[in-house]
C-alpha atoms as a PDB file:
ATOM      1  CA  MET A   1      54.137  98.657 138.700  1.00  0.00           C
ATOM      2  CA  THR A   2      56.678 100.473 136.728  1.00  0.00           C
ATOM      3  CA  PRO A   3      60.125  98.967 137.162  1.00  0.00           C
ATOM      4  CA  THR A   4      62.959 100.004 138.973  1.00  0.00           C
ATOM      5  CA  THR A   5      66.697 101.043 138.538  1.00  0.00           C
ATOM      6  CA  PRO A   6      68.508  98.958 140.868  1.00  0.00           C
ATOM      7  CA  MET A   7      70.297 101.715 143.139  1.00  0.00           C
ATOM      8  CA  THR A   8      74.272 101.149 143.312  1.00  0.00           C
ATOM      9  CA  PRO A   9      75.288  99.047 146.695  1.00  0.00           C
ATOM     10  CA  MET A  10      77.221 101.598 149.121  1.00  0.00           C
ATOM     11  CA  THR A  11      80.646 100.455 149.791  1.00  0.00           C
ATOM     12  CA  PRO A  12      82.766 101.860 152.558  1.00  0.00           C
ATOM     13  CA  THR A  13      85.839 103.805 150.737  1.00  0.00           C
ATOM     14  CA  PRO A  14      88.756 104.369 151.067  1.00  0.00           C
ATOM     15  CA  PRO A  15      89.841 100.396 152.926  1.00  0.00           C
ATOM     16  CA  ARG A  16      91.538 101.082 156.197  1.00  0.00           C
ATOM     17  CA  GLN A  17      93.809  98.945 157.945  1.00  0.00           C
ATOM     18  CA  PRO A  18      92.704  96.408 159.930  1.00  0.00           C
ATOM     19  CA  LEU A  19      92.467  97.068 163.905  1.00  0.00           C
ATOM     20  CA  ASN A  20      93.835  93.373 164.681  1.00  0.00           C
ATOM     21  CA  ASP A  21      97.509  93.004 164.117  1.00  0.00           C
ATOM     22  CA  ASP A  22      97.118  89.177 162.677  1.00  0.00           C
ATOM     23  CA  ASN A  23      96.157  90.261 159.177  1.00  0.00           C
ATOM     24  CA  SER A  24      95.755  86.007 158.458  1.00  0.00           C
ATOM     25  CA  ALA A  25      92.710  85.069 156.048  1.00  0.00           C
ATOM     26  CA  MET A  26      90.807  84.578 158.795  1.00  0.00           C
ATOM     27  CA  ASN A  27      89.883  87.859 159.593  1.00  0.00           C
ATOM     28  CA  LEU A  28      88.278  88.403 156.596  1.00  0.00           C
ATOM     29  CA  VAL A  29      84.195  88.353 155.779  1.00  0.00           C
ATOM     30  CA  GLY A  30      84.405  85.531 153.181  1.00  0.00           C
ATOM     31  CA  THR A  31      85.981  83.144 156.455  1.00  0.00           C
ATOM     32  CA  ILE A  32      82.437  84.277 158.511  1.00  0.00           C
ATOM     33  CA  MET A  33      79.477  84.726 156.685  1.00  0.00           C
ATOM     34  CA  THR A  34      76.478  82.843 155.629  1.00  0.00           C
ATOM     35  CA  ARG A  35      76.893  81.853 151.903  1.00  0.00           C
ATOM     36  CA  HIS A  36      73.373  80.560 151.647  1.00  0.00           C
ATOM     37  CA  VAL A  37      71.392  83.351 151.501  1.00  0.00           C
ATOM     38  CA  VAL A  38      67.467  83.351 150.726  1.00  0.00           C
ATOM     39  CA  SER A  39      66.414  86.373 148.840  1.00  0.00           C
ATOM     40  CA  VAL A  40      62.771  87.240 147.608  1.00  0.00           C
ATOM     41  CA  GLY A  41      62.086  89.642 144.432  1.00  0.00           C
ATOM     42  CA  LEU A  42      60.564  92.862 144.344  1.00  0.00           C
ATOM     43  CA  ASP A  43      57.084  91.340 143.548  1.00  0.00           C
ATOM     44  CA  ASP A  44      57.147  89.068 146.154  1.00  0.00           C
ATOM     45  CA  THR A  45      54.440  89.376 149.158  1.00  0.00           C
ATOM     46  CA  VAL A  46      54.800  90.562 152.745  1.00  0.00           C
ATOM     47  CA  ARG A  47      52.921  87.434 153.330  1.00  0.00           C
ATOM     48  CA  THR A  48      56.319  85.509 151.528  1.00  0.00           C
ATOM     49  CA  VAL A  49      58.838  87.282 153.785  1.00  0.00           C
ATOM     50  CA  ARG A  50      56.954  86.285 156.995  1.00  0.00           C
ATOM     51  CA  ASP A  51      56.267  82.754 155.867  1.00  0.00           C
ATOM     52  CA  LEU A  52      60.204  82.535 155.816  1.00  0.00           C
ATOM     53  CA  PHE A  53      60.928  84.085 158.894  1.00  0.00           C
ATOM     54  CA  ASP A  54      58.381  81.662 160.317  1.00  0.00           C
ATOM     55  CA  HIS A  55      59.795  78.726 158.893  1.00  0.00           C
ATOM     56  CA  HIS A  56      63.600  79.821 159.210  1.00  0.00           C
ATOM     57  CA  ARG A  57      66.119  80.416 161.793  1.00  0.00           C
ATOM     58  CA  PHE A  58      67.403  84.357 160.190  1.00  0.00           C
ATOM     59  CA  HIS A  59      65.755  87.575 160.264  1.00  0.00           C
ATOM     60  CA  HIS A  60      67.058  89.138 157.035  1.00  0.00           C
ATOM     61  CA  VAL A  61      66.306  88.525 152.975  1.00  0.00           C
ATOM     62  CA  VAL A  62      67.924  90.047 150.657  1.00  0.00           C
ATOM     63  CA  VAL A  63      66.011  91.578 148.030  1.00  0.00           C
ATOM     64  CA  VAL A  64      67.169  91.244 144.173  1.00  0.00           C
ATOM     65  CA  ASP A  65      65.861  92.247 140.773  1.00  0.00           C
ATOM     66  CA  GLU A  66      67.856  90.959 137.691  1.00  0.00           C
ATOM     67  CA  GLY A  67      70.360  89.060 139.752  1.00  0.00           C
ATOM     68  CA  ARG A  68      71.413  91.698 141.938  1.00  0.00           C
ATOM     69  CA  ALA A  69      70.422  92.739 145.051  1.00  0.00           C
ATOM     70  CA  VAL A  70      68.495  96.052 144.883  1.00  0.00           C
ATOM     71  CA  GLY A  71      67.124  96.276 148.858  1.00  0.00           C
ATOM     72  CA  ILE A  72      67.128  94.218 152.312  1.00  0.00           C
ATOM     73  CA  VAL A  73      63.573  93.274 154.278  1.00  0.00           C
ATOM     74  CA  SER A  74      64.076  92.642 158.311  1.00  0.00           C
ATOM     75  CA  ASP A  75      62.032  90.963 160.666  1.00  0.00           C
ATOM     76  CA  ARG A  76      61.756  94.749 161.923  1.00  0.00           C
ATOM     77  CA  ASP A  77      60.637  96.181 158.621  1.00  0.00           C
ATOM     78  CA  LEU A  78      58.041  93.186 158.566  1.00  0.00           C
ATOM     79  CA  LEU A  79      56.588  94.212 162.156  1.00  0.00           C
ATOM     80  CA  LYS A  80      56.306  97.652 161.111  1.00  0.00           C
ATOM     81  CA  HIS A  81      54.076  96.851 158.028  1.00  0.00           C
ATOM     82  CA  ILE A  82      51.923  94.251 159.204  1.00  0.00           C
ATOM     83  CA  SER A  83      49.047  94.719 161.290  1.00  0.00           C
ATOM     84  CA  PRO A  84      49.103  93.988 164.631  1.00  0.00           C
ATOM     85  CA  PHE A  85      45.291  91.907 164.043  1.00  0.00           C
ATOM     86  CA  VAL A  86      46.475  89.733 161.671  1.00  0.00           C
ATOM     87  CA  ASN A  87      46.143  86.048 162.936  1.00  0.00           C
ATOM     88  CA  GLN A  88      44.054  87.745 165.943  1.00  0.00           C
ATOM     89  CA  GLY A  89      40.273  87.769 167.482  1.00  0.00           C
ATOM     90  CA  ALA A  90      39.541  91.032 166.136  1.00  0.00           C
ATOM     91  CA  GLU A  91      41.406  91.011 162.521  1.00  0.00           C
ATOM     92  CA  ARG A  92      39.551  92.343 159.360  1.00  0.00           C
ATOM     93  CA  PRO A  93      39.776  92.236 156.447  1.00  0.00           C
ATOM     94  CA  LEU A  94      41.933  95.263 156.041  1.00  0.00           C
ATOM     95  CA  ASP A  95      44.537  93.990 158.327  1.00  0.00           C
ATOM     96  CA  ARG A  96      44.983  90.963 156.311  1.00  0.00           C
ATOM     97  CA  SER A  97      45.486  92.987 153.268  1.00  0.00           C
ATOM     98  CA  THR A  98      48.735  94.446 155.162  1.00  0.00           C
ATOM     99  CA  LEU A  99      50.053  90.802 153.657  1.00  0.00           C
ATOM    100  CA  ASP A 100      49.425  91.428 149.977  1.00  0.00           C
ATOM    101  CA  ARG A 101      51.891  94.242 150.139  1.00  0.00           C
ATOM    102  CA  LYS A 102      54.883  93.669 147.774  1.00  0.00           C
ATOM    103  CA  VAL A 103      58.118  93.464 148.843  1.00  0.00           C
ATOM    104  CA  HIS A 104      59.126  96.680 147.140  1.00  0.00           C
ATOM    105  CA  GLN A 105      56.943  98.879 149.368  1.00  0.00           C
ATOM    106  CA  ILE A 106      58.825  97.743 152.640  1.00  0.00           C
ATOM    107  CA  MET A 107      61.999  97.172 152.027  1.00  0.00           C
ATOM    108  CA  SER A 108      65.211  99.035 152.972  1.00  0.00           C
ATOM    109  CA  ARG A 109      66.211 100.796 149.779  1.00  0.00           C
ATOM    110  CA  ARG A 110      69.765 101.726 150.888  1.00  0.00           C
ATOM    111  CA  LEU A 111      72.016  99.027 150.440  1.00  0.00           C
ATOM    112  CA  ILE A 112      74.455  99.280 152.122  1.00  0.00           C
ATOM    113  CA  SER A 113      77.695  95.896 151.582  1.00  0.00           C
ATOM    114  CA  VAL A 114      80.253  94.606 151.741  1.00  0.00           C
ATOM    115  CA  LYS A 115      82.875  93.044 149.473  1.00  0.00           C
ATOM    116  CA  GLU A 116      84.250  89.095 151.033  1.00  0.00           C
ATOM    117  CA  ALA A 117      87.693  90.509 151.296  1.00  0.00           C
ATOM    118  CA  MET A 118      86.933  93.263 153.493  1.00  0.00           C
ATOM    119  CA  PHE A 119      88.556  92.558 157.620  1.00  0.00           C
ATOM    120  CA  VAL A 120      85.677  91.549 160.237  1.00  0.00           C
ATOM    121  CA  GLU A 121      86.461  94.081 161.806  1.00  0.00           C
ATOM    122  CA  GLU A 122      85.716  97.038 159.123  1.00  0.00           C
ATOM    123  CA  ALA A 123      83.019  95.316 158.720  1.00  0.00           C
ATOM    124  CA  GLY A 124      81.503  95.655 162.588  1.00  0.00           C
ATOM    125  CA  GLN A 125      82.341  99.286 162.377  1.00  0.00           C
ATOM    126  CA  LEU A 126      80.180  99.604 159.269  1.00  0.00           C
ATOM    127  CA  MET A 127      77.262  98.192 160.952  1.00  0.00           C
ATOM    128  CA  LEU A 128      78.044 100.047 164.009  1.00  0.00           C
ATOM    129  CA  HIS A 129      78.330 103.099 162.321  1.00  0.00           C
ATOM    130  CA  HIS A 130      75.094 102.798 160.188  1.00  0.00           C
ATOM    131  CA  THR A 131      72.992 101.063 163.058  1.00  0.00           C
ATOM    132  CA  ILE A 132      72.476  98.198 161.316  1.00  0.00           C
ATOM    133  CA  SER A 133      72.015  94.321 161.924  1.00  0.00           C
ATOM    134  CA  CYS A 134      73.833  92.862 159.077  1.00  0.00           C
ATOM    135  CA  LEU A 135      75.650  93.323 155.422  1.00  0.00           C
ATOM    136  CA  PRO A 136      75.151  91.238 152.083  1.00  0.00           C
ATOM    137  CA  VAL A 137      78.270  90.367 150.868  1.00  0.00           C
ATOM    138  CA  LEU A 138      78.375  91.040 147.027  1.00  0.00           C
ATOM    139  CA  ASP A 139      80.106  90.079 143.928  1.00  0.00           C
ATOM    140  CA  ASP A 140      81.593  92.704 141.435  1.00  0.00           C
ATOM    141  CA  HIS A 141      78.238  92.572 139.876  1.00  0.00           C
ATOM    142  CA  GLY A 142      76.516  92.924 142.403  1.00  0.00           C
ATOM    143  CA  SER A 143      75.237  89.579 143.126  1.00  0.00           C
ATOM    144  CA  CYS A 144      74.617  88.613 146.679  1.00  0.00           C
ATOM    145  CA  ILE A 145      77.264  85.603 147.537  1.00  0.00           C
ATOM    146  CA  GLY A 146      76.752  85.773 151.344  1.00  0.00           C
ATOM    147  CA  ILE A 147      75.338  88.011 154.419  1.00  0.00           C
ATOM    148  CA  ILE A 148      77.200  88.903 157.453  1.00  0.00           C
ATOM    149  CA  THR A 149      75.491  89.701 160.828  1.00  0.00           C
ATOM    150  CA  ILE A 150      76.450  91.759 163.603  1.00  0.00           C
ATOM    151  CA  HIS A 151      75.997  87.830 165.549  1.00  0.00           C
ATOM    152  CA  ASP A 152      78.713  86.740 163.088  1.00  0.00           C
ATOM    153  CA  VAL A 153      80.868  89.459 164.153  1.00  0.00           C
ATOM    154  CA  MET A 154      80.179  88.765 167.738  1.00  0.00           C
ATOM    155  CA  ARG A 155      80.637  84.931 167.663  1.00  0.00           C
ATOM    156  CA  TRP A 156      83.974  85.937 165.886  1.00  0.00           C
ATOM    157  CA  CYS A 157      85.182  88.042 168.783  1.00  0.00           C
ATOM    158  CA  LEU A 158      83.956  85.734 171.627  1.00  0.00           C
ATOM    159  CA  GLN A 159      86.040  83.291 169.816  1.00  0.00           C
ATOM    160  CA  GLY A 160      89.504  85.651 170.601  1.00  0.00           C
ATOM    161  CA  LYS A 161      89.886  86.696 167.149  1.00  0.00           C
ATOM    162  CA  CYS A 162      88.880  90.356 167.661  1.00  0.00           C
ATOM    163  CA  LYS A 163      91.447  92.598 168.973  1.00  0.00           C
ATOM    164  CA  VAL A 164      89.870  95.661 169.505  1.00  0.00           C
ATOM    165  CA  PRO A 165      89.641  97.564 172.534  1.00  0.00           C
ATOM    166  CA  PHE A 166      86.006  98.056 174.428  1.00  0.00           C
ATOM    167  CA  GLY A 167      85.464 101.489 173.914  1.00  0.00           C
ATOM    168  CA  GLU A 168      86.886 101.801 170.393  1.00  0.00           C
ATOM    169  CA  ALA A 169      85.035  99.785 168.132  1.00  0.00           C
ATOM    170  CA  ALA A 170      82.199 102.526 167.578  1.00  0.00           C
END
């Protein structure tokens, strides 16, 4: 395999004013993101990702190359690329071989990311706009320092911190 050049993560520009009137630090991505992020390398196997999803309670892994986030694999990506006959009575060697594919063959390369100083409302709008369910949180060097999911944003809203009226979020 020829090494690929990492793609530059996409970030929204310019930052908009928050929809919430309270500009406190409690409304920033850094306050609700998960800081323990599981990552895989470009040449890890689909089997490795499946095993991570089977043994942990998360649905996304960040793909890194030389310390920089370059992609993401979701549980839905995995389902699209694994034969439905794996671990079934009708499994064939060809079905089993789908687990030996490399992460770089199935990952989403169009990485949409945020910074920890972004407002949570803005991150939620970004997820809705791009129809995605998580955003890696990157530092200035492209290293993943956290992840925020649509569930994190929903939990934050249900705690009464979201002031966006329904119908205006999209």
